């Protein structure tokens, strides 16, 4: 399998602080990720003033939140430069409007993530596709017909490097709703590279996605689940994220390594001697006794006649006295 590309989704958890955003990037760098992803919101370009708030906006309106946390062009350029040049990580962002694409083009992003809510925004897809840059297409709230149109639109308008991400837009997403089975369906249907954008808690689901063939894993990251915002409480803190990266790399080693059972067994000879069983006498056995199964016991170490050969001893006659708990030997037996 190829190396899994791991994206830390920071989103808007930076609270509009450029310094905090850079601290997020430094932290995910230490976790071993490949890429950080932000969200580019321009409220007036993406939403009507009276658009309903999601349930997690309780203390301020959506407009107040996005106006407060938005970066200007200079901030975005600074954040991108810091990510790529100082932290040596890839930088991508999700645009939520045509104007957001224009902004991200000004700082020359190398790839785009299409968020779940924009999959049916065909004008946005066309604009992104015409940049001819890599696109990660989320599928969190889309049916097959909508995904078909999105994939077709992106490919027909210049996107040559498209990766579809299985996703379920529930926060948090229960493991049974994660749709790991859809990874294979996406591969078969579109003949494209497929990844997984995770909204579950813990590590089990993204690890399962890697085992199921996902080559990209995206997961929400936060410095603390107690931070303000819509994503923080369902995000992954640094220690857990670092463990996720480590476990994915271990999965890659396991799946990319071929073990020869016979050769491996030969290298375990000392362990086999220590743990396997030899045939020993279950009682004192007098010379001339015809061996029956009741005379046999099976005990460590495994440096005598292997327990698997017990039938070869049954019916043989002893040619000398054998004490209890003595390893049996073929040279002390004769055929009848």
Protein backbone atom coordinates (compact mmCIF):
# COMPACT_ATOMS: atom_id res chain seq x y z
CA UNK A 1 0.00 0.00 0.00
CA UNK A 2 1.08 3.57 -0.57
CA UNK A 3 1.86 5.95 2.28
CA UNK A 4 -1.30 7.38 3.78
CA UNK A 5 -1.61 11.14 3.38
CA UNK A 6 -2.75 12.56 6.72
CA UNK A 7 -4.55 15.90 6.90
CA UNK A 8 -5.15 17.75 10.16
CA UNK A 9 -8.35 19.78 9.83
CA UNK A 10 -7.96 22.97 11.86
CA UNK A 11 -10.90 24.73 10.29
CA UNK A 12 -11.81 27.90 12.17
CA UNK A 13 -10.80 26.72 15.63
CA UNK A 14 -8.05 29.36 15.61
CA UNK A 15 -10.71 31.91 16.63
CA UNK A 16 -9.41 34.48 14.16
CA UNK A 17 -6.00 34.68 15.82
CA UNK A 18 -3.12 34.37 13.36
CA UNK A 19 -0.77 33.57 16.22
CA UNK A 20 -3.03 30.80 17.47
CA UNK A 21 -3.42 29.43 13.96
CA UNK A 22 0.36 29.19 13.65
CA UNK A 23 0.54 27.47 17.04
CA UNK A 24 -1.95 24.91 15.70
CA UNK A 25 0.31 24.30 12.71
CA UNK A 26 3.40 23.89 14.91
CA UNK A 27 1.54 21.40 17.07
CA UNK A 28 0.30 19.24 14.19
CA UNK A 29 3.81 19.30 12.74
CA UNK A 30 4.97 17.53 15.91
CA UNK A 31 2.23 14.94 15.40
CA UNK A 32 3.76 13.89 12.07
CA UNK A 33 0.97 14.89 9.69
CA UNK A 34 1.48 15.72 6.03
CA UNK A 35 -0.94 18.59 5.60
CA UNK A 36 -3.01 21.15 7.49
CA UNK A 37 -6.38 22.34 6.31
CA UNK A 38 -8.25 25.52 7.10
CA UNK A 39 -11.62 26.92 6.05
CA UNK A 40 -11.96 30.13 4.07
CA UNK A 41 -15.22 31.85 4.96
CA UNK A 42 -16.38 35.20 3.59
CA UNK A 43 -19.77 35.49 5.21
CA UNK A 44 -21.45 37.97 2.89
CA UNK A 45 -20.35 35.92 -0.12
CA UNK A 46 -21.63 32.60 1.19
CA UNK A 47 -24.70 33.29 3.28
CA UNK A 48 -27.77 35.50 3.53
CA UNK A 49 -27.88 37.61 6.70
CA UNK A 50 -31.00 35.79 7.91
CA UNK A 51 -29.80 32.27 7.12
CA UNK A 52 -30.57 29.99 10.10
CA UNK A 53 -27.77 29.17 12.49
CA UNK A 54 -26.63 25.60 13.10
CA UNK A 55 -27.52 24.47 16.63
CA UNK A 56 -23.98 24.99 17.91
CA UNK A 57 -24.10 28.78 17.36
CA UNK A 58 -25.79 29.80 20.60
CA UNK A 59 -23.90 32.85 21.88
CA UNK A 60 -23.47 34.72 18.62
CA UNK A 61 -24.85 34.68 15.10
CA UNK A 62 -23.13 32.84 12.32
CA UNK A 63 -22.31 36.21 10.71
CA UNK A 64 -20.75 37.51 13.91
CA UNK A 65 -18.68 34.37 14.26
CA UNK A 66 -17.33 34.29 10.70
CA UNK A 67 -16.73 38.03 10.57
CA UNK A 68 -14.81 37.74 13.84
CA UNK A 69 -12.71 34.75 12.83
CA UNK A 70 -12.01 35.64 9.18
CA UNK A 71 -8.45 36.30 8.00
CA UNK A 72 -7.57 38.94 5.42
CA UNK A 73 -5.38 38.29 2.39
CA UNK A 74 -2.19 39.26 4.23
CA UNK A 75 -3.03 36.90 7.10
CA UNK A 76 -3.71 34.01 4.74
CA UNK A 77 -0.43 34.57 2.93
CA UNK A 78 1.45 34.70 6.21
CA UNK A 79 -0.22 31.51 7.44
CA UNK A 80 0.46 29.66 4.19
CA UNK A 81 4.11 30.76 4.13
CA UNK A 82 4.58 29.72 7.75
CA UNK A 83 3.00 26.31 7.08
CA UNK A 84 4.97 25.54 3.93
CA UNK A 85 8.29 27.24 4.55
CA UNK A 86 8.85 26.97 8.29
CA UNK A 87 6.89 23.83 9.15
CA UNK A 88 7.36 22.04 5.82
CA UNK A 89 3.74 20.95 5.66
CA UNK A 90 1.25 21.18 2.83
CA UNK A 91 -1.37 23.90 3.16
CA UNK A 92 -4.92 23.61 1.84
CA UNK A 93 -8.23 25.27 2.60
CA UNK A 94 -11.90 24.73 1.91
CA UNK A 95 -13.54 27.62 0.01
CA UNK A 96 -17.18 28.29 0.79
CA UNK A 97 -17.78 30.82 -1.98
CA UNK A 98 -16.51 31.88 -5.39
CA UNK A 99 -14.84 34.84 -3.71
CA UNK A 100 -13.03 32.46 -1.36
CA UNK A 101 -11.58 30.66 -4.38
CA UNK A 102 -10.35 34.01 -5.71
CA UNK A 103 -8.69 34.75 -2.37
CA UNK A 104 -7.01 31.35 -2.19
CA UNK A 105 -5.78 31.71 -5.78
CA UNK A 106 -4.09 34.96 -4.80
CA UNK A 107 -1.96 33.10 -2.27
CA UNK A 108 -1.43 30.26 -4.77
CA UNK A 109 -2.71 27.26 -2.85
CA UNK A 110 -1.64 23.96 -4.37
CA UNK A 111 -4.87 22.06 -3.67
CA UNK A 112 -8.49 22.52 -2.65
CA UNK A 113 -10.84 20.65 -0.35
CA UNK A 114 -14.49 20.78 -1.39
CA UNK A 115 -16.51 20.64 1.85
CA UNK A 116 -19.62 18.49 2.04
CA UNK A 117 -22.04 21.41 1.83
CA UNK A 118 -20.52 22.63 -1.45
CA UNK A 119 -20.79 19.37 -3.42
CA UNK A 120 -23.95 20.58 -5.17
CA UNK A 121 -22.55 24.11 -5.72
CA UNK A 122 -21.74 23.49 -9.37
CA UNK A 123 -20.45 27.03 -10.10
CA UNK A 124 -17.95 26.62 -7.26
CA UNK A 125 -16.87 23.21 -8.55
CA UNK A 126 -16.34 24.60 -12.04
CA UNK A 127 -14.26 27.50 -10.71
CA UNK A 128 -12.10 25.21 -8.59
CA UNK A 129 -11.69 22.68 -11.42
CA UNK A 130 -10.50 25.36 -13.80
CA UNK A 131 -7.54 26.06 -11.53
CA UNK A 132 -6.31 22.59 -12.61
CA UNK A 133 -5.16 21.88 -9.05
CA UNK A 134 -5.62 18.79 -6.92
CA UNK A 135 -9.07 18.51 -5.37
CA UNK A 136 -10.24 16.58 -2.34
CA UNK A 137 -14.00 16.08 -2.68
CA UNK A 138 -15.90 15.32 0.52
CA UNK A 139 -19.09 13.28 0.35
CA UNK A 140 -20.47 13.83 3.84
CA UNK A 141 -24.04 14.81 2.96
CA UNK A 142 -24.30 13.73 -0.67
CA UNK A 143 -26.19 10.92 -2.36
CA UNK A 144 -24.81 9.00 -5.35
CA UNK A 145 -26.56 11.16 -7.94
CA UNK A 146 -25.08 14.33 -6.43
CA UNK A 147 -21.63 12.76 -6.23
CA UNK A 148 -21.84 11.59 -9.83
CA UNK A 149 -22.55 15.13 -10.98
CA UNK A 150 -19.80 16.60 -8.81
CA UNK A 151 -17.16 14.16 -10.06
CA UNK A 152 -18.25 14.68 -13.67
CA UNK A 153 -18.24 18.47 -13.27
CA UNK A 154 -14.77 18.57 -11.76
CA UNK A 155 -13.27 16.22 -14.35
CA UNK A 156 -14.95 17.89 -17.31
CA UNK A 157 -13.65 21.30 -16.29
CA UNK A 158 -9.98 20.56 -15.90
CA UNK A 159 -9.47 18.66 -12.64
CA UNK A 160 -7.00 15.88 -13.42
CA UNK A 161 -6.12 14.97 -9.82
CA UNK A 162 -9.30 14.20 -7.91
CA UNK A 163 -9.58 12.30 -4.63
CA UNK A 164 -13.01 11.45 -3.24
CA UNK A 165 -13.36 11.29 0.54
CA UNK A 166 -15.96 9.09 2.18
CA UNK A 167 -17.51 11.07 5.01
CA UNK A 168 -20.63 11.18 7.15
CA UNK A 169 -21.63 14.66 8.26
CA UNK A 170 -22.63 13.85 11.83
CA UNK A 171 -20.84 15.44 14.77
CA UNK A 172 -19.72 13.20 16.32
CA UNK A 173 -20.31 10.36 13.89
CA UNK A 174 -21.08 6.98 15.50
CA UNK A 175 -18.79 4.21 14.23
CA UNK A 176 -21.72 2.30 12.75
CA UNK A 177 -22.59 5.34 10.60
CA UNK A 178 -19.05 5.89 9.31
CA UNK A 179 -19.62 4.09 6.03
CA UNK A 180 -16.30 2.28 5.82
CA UNK A 181 -17.97 -0.03 3.28
CA UNK A 182 -18.47 2.93 0.94
CA UNK A 183 -14.70 3.25 0.41
CA UNK A 184 -14.72 0.18 -1.83
CA UNK A 185 -17.89 1.40 -3.57
CA UNK A 186 -16.28 4.76 -4.37
CA UNK A 187 -13.18 3.08 -5.77
CA UNK A 188 -15.19 0.76 -7.96
CA UNK A 189 -17.57 3.45 -9.18
CA UNK A 190 -15.13 6.23 -10.02
CA UNK A 191 -11.78 4.44 -10.42
CA UNK A 192 -10.20 7.20 -8.35
CA UNK A 193 -8.07 7.43 -5.26
CA UNK A 194 -10.33 7.37 -2.20
CA UNK A 195 -9.80 8.74 1.29
CA UNK A 196 -11.75 9.18 4.49
CA UNK A 197 -12.76 12.39 6.25
CA UNK A 198 -13.43 11.46 9.85
CA UNK A 199 -15.93 12.96 12.28
CA UNK A 200 -15.90 10.13 14.81
CA UNK A 201 -14.41 10.18 18.28
CA UNK A 202 -11.30 8.12 18.95
CA UNK A 203 -9.03 6.30 16.53
CA UNK A 204 -10.87 3.12 15.56
CA UNK A 205 -12.74 4.44 12.53
CA UNK A 206 -9.87 6.19 10.71
CA UNK A 207 -7.64 3.16 11.35
CA UNK A 208 -10.36 0.92 9.92
CA UNK A 209 -10.54 3.24 6.90
CA UNK A 210 -6.83 2.78 6.23
CA UNK A 211 -7.24 -1.00 6.41
CA UNK A 212 -10.18 -0.69 4.01
CA UNK A 213 -8.03 1.09 1.43
CA UNK A 214 -8.30 4.81 2.20
CA UNK A 215 -5.10 6.55 1.07
CA UNK A 216 -5.99 9.91 2.64
CA UNK A 217 -7.17 10.47 6.21
CA UNK A 218 -8.54 13.82 7.34
CA UNK A 219 -9.42 14.38 10.98
CA UNK A 220 -10.31 17.45 13.02
CA UNK A 221 -7.54 18.73 15.27
CA UNK A 222 -7.66 21.01 18.28
CA UNK A 223 -5.24 22.07 20.99
CA UNK A 224 -8.02 21.48 23.51
CA UNK A 225 -11.57 20.14 23.34
CA UNK A 226 -12.53 22.97 25.69
CA UNK A 227 -11.81 25.64 23.09
CA UNK A 228 -14.68 27.70 21.69
CA UNK A 229 -16.25 26.91 18.35
CA UNK A 230 -18.30 24.36 16.51
CA UNK A 231 -15.56 21.79 15.96
CA UNK A 232 -13.38 21.77 19.07
CA UNK A 233 -15.34 19.34 21.25
CA UNK A 234 -15.47 16.76 18.45
CA UNK A 235 -11.83 17.22 17.46
CA UNK A 236 -8.68 15.32 18.38
CA UNK A 237 -6.12 16.72 20.81
CA UNK A 238 -2.35 16.53 20.10
CA UNK A 239 -1.44 13.38 22.04
CA UNK A 240 -4.27 11.38 20.48
CA UNK A 241 -3.57 12.76 17.00
CA UNK A 242 0.09 11.82 17.33
CA UNK A 243 -0.96 8.31 18.30
CA UNK A 244 -3.25 8.16 15.25
CA UNK A 245 -0.37 9.03 12.94
CA UNK A 246 1.86 6.45 14.64
CA UNK A 247 -0.76 3.70 14.35
CA UNK A 248 -1.40 4.48 10.67
CA UNK A 249 2.33 4.21 9.98
CA UNK A 250 2.37 0.87 11.81
CA UNK A 251 -0.56 -0.35 9.71
CA UNK A 252 1.40 0.58 6.59
CA UNK A 253 4.41 -1.42 7.80
CA UNK A 254 2.21 -4.42 8.54
CA UNK A 255 0.36 -4.35 5.23
CA UNK A 256 3.50 -3.68 3.19
CA UNK A 257 5.56 -6.49 4.74
CA UNK A 258 5.51 -10.11 3.58
CA UNK A 259 6.46 -12.77 6.12
CA UNK A 260 7.64 -16.25 5.09
CA UNK A 261 6.18 -18.53 7.75
CA UNK A 262 8.80 -21.28 7.36
CA UNK A 263 11.75 -18.89 7.51
CA UNK A 264 10.22 -17.03 10.43
CA UNK A 265 9.63 -20.31 12.28
CA UNK A 266 13.29 -21.27 11.81
CA UNK A 267 14.31 -18.05 13.53
CA UNK A 268 12.08 -18.91 16.49
CA UNK A 269 13.80 -22.21 17.31
CA UNK A 270 14.79 -21.14 20.81
CA UNK A 271 11.27 -19.98 21.59
CA UNK A 272 9.83 -23.24 20.26
CA UNK A 273 12.11 -25.21 22.57
CA UNK A 274 10.97 -23.11 25.51
CA UNK A 275 7.23 -23.21 24.88
CA UNK A 276 6.40 -26.38 22.96
CA UNK A 277 5.82 -29.80 24.55
CA UNK A 278 7.76 -33.04 24.47
CA UNK A 279 6.43 -36.53 25.22
CA UNK A 280 7.28 -37.68 28.75
CA UNK A 281 6.29 -40.61 30.90
CA UNK A 282 3.11 -40.09 32.87
CA UNK A 283 4.20 -42.75 35.39
CA UNK A 284 7.01 -45.19 36.08
CA UNK A 285 7.18 -47.57 33.12
CA UNK A 286 8.79 -51.00 33.52
CA UNK A 287 11.01 -52.61 30.90
CA UNK A 288 8.95 -54.62 28.40
CA UNK A 289 5.81 -52.49 28.76
CA UNK A 290 3.71 -51.96 25.62
CA UNK A 291 3.13 -48.21 25.45
CA UNK A 292 -0.45 -47.04 25.69
CA UNK A 293 -1.79 -43.50 25.66
CA UNK A 294 -2.19 -43.63 29.46
CA UNK A 295 1.59 -43.89 29.78
CA UNK A 296 2.15 -40.57 28.00
CA UNK A 297 2.17 -36.95 29.17
CA UNK A 298 3.15 -33.76 27.33
CA UNK A 299 5.35 -31.21 29.03
CA UNK A 300 7.84 -28.42 28.39
CA UNK A 301 10.54 -28.05 27.15
CA UNK A 302 10.14 -28.99 23.53
CA UNK A 303 13.60 -30.49 22.99
CA UNK A 304 12.44 -34.12 23.03
CA UNK A 305 10.02 -36.12 20.89
CA UNK A 306 7.37 -33.60 19.79
CA UNK A 307 3.88 -34.11 21.22
CA UNK A 308 2.53 -34.38 17.67
CA UNK A 309 4.35 -37.77 17.30
CA UNK A 310 2.53 -39.52 20.15
CA UNK A 311 0.89 -42.07 17.84
CA UNK A 312 4.33 -43.23 16.71
CA UNK A 313 5.07 -44.38 20.29
CA UNK A 314 1.81 -46.15 21.05
CA UNK A 315 2.21 -49.91 20.58
CA UNK A 316 5.99 -49.89 20.98
CA UNK A 317 7.73 -51.86 23.78
CA UNK A 318 10.21 -50.36 26.23
CA UNK A 319 13.65 -51.94 26.38
CA UNK A 320 14.51 -50.47 29.79
CA UNK A 321 12.87 -48.99 32.87
CA UNK A 322 11.65 -45.39 32.49
CA UNK A 323 10.96 -43.14 35.45
CA UNK A 324 7.98 -40.80 35.73
CA UNK A 325 8.51 -37.38 34.04
CA UNK A 326 11.34 -38.70 31.91
CA UNK A 327 11.43 -37.64 28.26
CA UNK A 328 10.79 -40.65 26.04
CA UNK A 329 13.30 -41.56 23.34
CA UNK A 330 12.88 -43.70 20.26
CA UNK A 331 16.13 -45.56 21.03
CA UNK A 332 14.54 -46.83 24.26
CA UNK A 333 11.67 -48.45 22.33
CA UNK A 334 11.34 -51.31 19.91
CA UNK A 335 8.59 -52.41 17.61
CA UNK A 336 6.48 -55.38 18.65
